[in-house]
Amino acid sequence: MNITRIPQRIEIAFWVTVIPMMEESSELQSIMQESYRLITRMKALSYLVRALALAAIGLSLGFGFGYLAILFR
């Protein structure tokens, strides 16, 4: 057996064990579904925070440049 194939064999053994557990366990399925929903909400919240930050930066730059334009007339 080649030493580089050992991690591959370990991973395959892991998934051969875990996949049937995920298919059969309703508790595990519900945990996975709730985790996916939470991650999706967090991503959406992250996008919202980024959009608000960009809007605040744009508004601040607009006020700043407007003030400078009035100041240097």
N, C-alpha and C. Protein backbone atom coordinates (compact mmCIF):
# COMPACT_ATOMS: atom_id res chain seq x y z
N MET A 1 0.85 -1.19 0.00
CA MET A 1 0.00 0.00 0.00
C MET A 1 0.89 1.24 0.00
N ASN A 2 0.52 2.17 -0.81
CA ASN A 2 1.26 3.41 -0.93
C ASN A 2 0.88 4.35 0.22
N ILE A 3 1.87 5.03 0.80
CA ILE A 3 1.63 5.91 1.95
C ILE A 3 0.73 7.10 1.59
N THR A 4 0.74 7.52 0.35
CA THR A 4 -0.09 8.66 -0.05
C THR A 4 -1.56 8.29 -0.17
N ARG A 5 -1.88 7.03 -0.23
CA ARG A 5 -3.29 6.61 -0.35
C ARG A 5 -3.95 6.42 1.00
N ILE A 6 -3.19 6.45 2.08
CA ILE A 6 -3.76 6.25 3.42
C ILE A 6 -4.80 7.32 3.76
N PRO A 7 -4.51 8.61 3.56
CA PRO A 7 -5.56 9.61 3.84
C PRO A 7 -6.82 9.41 3.00
N GLN A 8 -6.66 9.00 1.76
CA GLN A 8 -7.83 8.74 0.91
C GLN A 8 -8.65 7.58 1.47
N ARG A 9 -7.99 6.54 1.91
CA ARG A 9 -8.70 5.39 2.47
C ARG A 9 -9.42 5.76 3.76
N ILE A 10 -8.78 6.59 4.57
CA ILE A 10 -9.42 7.04 5.82
C ILE A 10 -10.66 7.87 5.50
N GLU A 11 -10.56 8.77 4.53
CA GLU A 11 -11.71 9.59 4.15
C GLU A 11 -12.84 8.74 3.60
N ILE A 12 -12.52 7.80 2.76
CA ILE A 12 -13.55 6.93 2.20
C ILE A 12 -14.23 6.13 3.30
N ALA A 13 -13.45 5.61 4.24
CA ALA A 13 -14.02 4.86 5.36
C ALA A 13 -14.93 5.75 6.20
N PHE A 14 -14.52 7.01 6.39
CA PHE A 14 -15.33 7.95 7.14
C PHE A 14 -16.68 8.16 6.47
N TRP A 15 -16.66 8.45 5.17
CA TRP A 15 -17.91 8.73 4.47
C TRP A 15 -18.77 7.48 4.33
N VAL A 16 -18.17 6.33 4.20
CA VAL A 16 -18.95 5.08 4.14
C VAL A 16 -19.69 4.87 5.45
N THR A 17 -19.11 5.33 6.55
CA THR A 17 -19.75 5.20 7.86
C THR A 17 -20.78 6.30 8.09
N VAL A 18 -20.44 7.53 7.73
CA VAL A 18 -21.27 8.67 8.08
C VAL A 18 -22.51 8.80 7.20
N ILE A 19 -22.39 8.53 5.92
CA ILE A 19 -23.53 8.73 5.01
C ILE A 19 -24.74 7.88 5.41
N PRO A 20 -24.60 6.60 5.72
CA PRO A 20 -25.78 5.86 6.18
C PRO A 20 -26.36 6.42 7.48
N MET A 21 -25.49 6.89 8.37
CA MET A 21 -25.99 7.48 9.61
C MET A 21 -26.82 8.73 9.31
N MET A 22 -26.36 9.53 8.35
CA MET A 22 -27.09 10.75 8.00
C MET A 22 -28.42 10.42 7.33
N GLU A 23 -28.47 9.36 6.59
CA GLU A 23 -29.70 8.98 5.89
C GLU A 23 -30.73 8.39 6.85
N GLU A 24 -30.29 7.68 7.87
CA GLU A 24 -31.21 6.96 8.75
C GLU A 24 -31.67 7.76 9.96
N SER A 25 -30.87 8.68 10.44
CA SER A 25 -31.17 9.39 11.67
C SER A 25 -31.99 10.64 11.39
N SER A 26 -33.23 10.66 11.86
CA SER A 26 -34.07 11.83 11.65
C SER A 26 -33.59 13.01 12.50
N GLU A 27 -33.01 12.72 13.68
CA GLU A 27 -32.48 13.78 14.52
C GLU A 27 -31.31 14.48 13.83
N LEU A 28 -30.43 13.68 13.26
CA LEU A 28 -29.27 14.24 12.56
C LEU A 28 -29.71 15.03 11.33
N GLN A 29 -30.73 14.55 10.65
CA GLN A 29 -31.25 15.28 9.48
C GLN A 29 -31.82 16.63 9.90
N SER A 30 -32.56 16.66 11.01
CA SER A 30 -33.13 17.93 11.46
C SER A 30 -32.04 18.89 11.91
N ILE A 31 -30.99 18.37 12.54
CA ILE A 31 -29.86 19.23 12.94
C ILE A 31 -29.19 19.81 11.71
N MET A 32 -28.99 18.99 10.69
CA MET A 32 -28.37 19.47 9.46
C MET A 32 -29.23 20.51 8.77
N GLN A 33 -30.54 20.31 8.75
CA GLN A 33 -31.44 21.28 8.11
C GLN A 33 -31.41 22.61 8.85
N GLU A 34 -31.46 22.56 10.19
CA GLU A 34 -31.42 23.80 10.96
C GLU A 34 -30.08 24.51 10.81
N SER A 35 -29.01 23.75 10.74
CA SER A 35 -27.69 24.33 10.54
C SER A 35 -27.62 25.03 9.19
N TYR A 36 -28.17 24.40 8.17
CA TYR A 36 -28.18 25.00 6.83
C TYR A 36 -29.00 26.29 6.83
N ARG A 37 -30.14 26.28 7.50
CA ARG A 37 -30.97 27.49 7.57
C ARG A 37 -30.23 28.61 8.30
N LEU A 38 -29.55 28.27 9.39
CA LEU A 38 -28.81 29.26 10.15
C LEU A 38 -27.68 29.86 9.31
N ILE A 39 -26.95 29.02 8.61
CA ILE A 39 -25.86 29.50 7.76
C ILE A 39 -26.40 30.40 6.66
N THR A 40 -27.53 30.02 6.08
CA THR A 40 -28.14 30.83 5.02
C THR A 40 -28.55 32.19 5.55
N ARG A 41 -29.14 32.21 6.75
CA ARG A 41 -29.54 33.49 7.35
C ARG A 41 -28.32 34.35 7.66
N MET A 42 -27.26 33.73 8.15
CA MET A 42 -26.05 34.48 8.48
C MET A 42 -25.43 35.08 7.22
N LYS A 43 -25.46 34.34 6.11
CA LYS A 43 -24.94 34.88 4.86
C LYS A 43 -25.77 36.07 4.41
N ALA A 44 -27.09 35.94 4.51
CA ALA A 44 -27.97 37.04 4.12
C ALA A 44 -27.72 38.25 5.01
N LEU A 45 -27.54 38.03 6.30
CA LEU A 45 -27.26 39.12 7.23
C LEU A 45 -25.93 39.77 6.89
N SER A 46 -24.95 38.95 6.53
CA SER A 46 -23.64 39.48 6.16
C SER A 46 -23.75 40.37 4.93
N TYR A 47 -24.53 39.96 3.93
CA TYR A 47 -24.72 40.78 2.73
C TYR A 47 -25.43 42.08 3.09
N LEU A 48 -26.39 42.02 3.98
CA LEU A 48 -27.11 43.22 4.40
C LEU A 48 -26.18 44.19 5.11
N VAL A 49 -25.33 43.67 5.99
CA VAL A 49 -24.38 44.53 6.71
C VAL A 49 -23.41 45.18 5.72
N ARG A 50 -22.94 44.41 4.75
CA ARG A 50 -22.03 44.98 3.74
C ARG A 50 -22.72 46.06 2.94
N ALA A 51 -23.96 45.83 2.55
CA ALA A 51 -24.69 46.82 1.77
C ALA A 51 -24.91 48.09 2.58
N LEU A 52 -25.25 47.95 3.85
CA LEU A 52 -25.44 49.13 4.70
C LEU A 52 -24.12 49.88 4.90
N ALA A 53 -23.03 49.14 5.06
CA ALA A 53 -21.72 49.78 5.22
C ALA A 53 -21.35 50.54 3.95
N LEU A 54 -21.55 49.95 2.79
CA LEU A 54 -21.26 50.64 1.53
C LEU A 54 -22.14 51.86 1.35
N ALA A 55 -23.40 51.75 1.74
CA ALA A 55 -24.31 52.89 1.64
C ALA A 55 -23.85 54.02 2.55
N ALA A 56 -23.42 53.67 3.77
CA ALA A 56 -22.94 54.69 4.71
C ALA A 56 -21.66 55.35 4.18
N ILE A 57 -20.78 54.56 3.61
CA ILE A 57 -19.54 55.11 3.04
C ILE A 57 -19.87 56.05 1.88
N GLY A 58 -20.77 55.61 1.01
CA GLY A 58 -21.16 56.44 -0.12
C GLY A 58 -21.81 57.74 0.32
N LEU A 59 -22.68 57.65 1.31
CA LEU A 59 -23.34 58.85 1.83
C LEU A 59 -22.31 59.80 2.44
N SER A 60 -21.38 59.26 3.20
CA SER A 60 -20.34 60.09 3.83
C SER A 60 -19.46 60.75 2.77
N LEU A 61 -19.07 59.99 1.76
CA LEU A 61 -18.26 60.57 0.69
C LEU A 61 -19.03 61.67 -0.06
N GLY A 62 -20.31 61.43 -0.29
CA GLY A 62 -21.13 62.44 -0.96
C GLY A 62 -21.20 63.72 -0.15
N PHE A 63 -21.44 63.60 1.15
CA PHE A 63 -21.46 64.79 2.00
C PHE A 63 -20.09 65.47 2.03
N GLY A 64 -19.04 64.67 2.13
CA GLY A 64 -17.69 65.23 2.20
C GLY A 64 -17.32 65.97 0.94
N PHE A 65 -17.53 65.35 -0.21
CA PHE A 65 -17.22 66.02 -1.48
C PHE A 65 -18.13 67.22 -1.71
N GLY A 66 -19.37 67.11 -1.32
CA GLY A 66 -20.28 68.26 -1.44
C GLY A 66 -19.81 69.42 -0.58
N TYR A 67 -19.38 69.12 0.64
CA TYR A 67 -18.88 70.17 1.53
C TYR A 67 -17.61 70.80 0.95
N LEU A 68 -16.72 69.97 0.42
CA LEU A 68 -15.49 70.49 -0.18
C LEU A 68 -15.80 71.34 -1.39
N ALA A 69 -16.79 70.94 -2.20
CA ALA A 69 -17.17 71.73 -3.38
C ALA A 69 -17.70 73.09 -2.98
N ILE A 70 -18.49 73.13 -1.92
CA ILE A 70 -19.01 74.41 -1.43
C ILE A 70 -17.89 75.25 -0.83
N LEU A 71 -16.98 74.59 -0.12
CA LEU A 71 -15.89 75.29 0.54
C LEU A 71 -14.93 75.93 -0.45
N PHE A 72 -14.66 75.29 -1.57
CA PHE A 72 -13.68 75.80 -2.53
C PHE A 72 -14.28 76.58 -3.68
N ARG A 73 -15.49 77.01 -3.59
CA ARG A 73 -16.10 77.83 -4.66
C ARG A 73 -15.59 79.20 -4.66
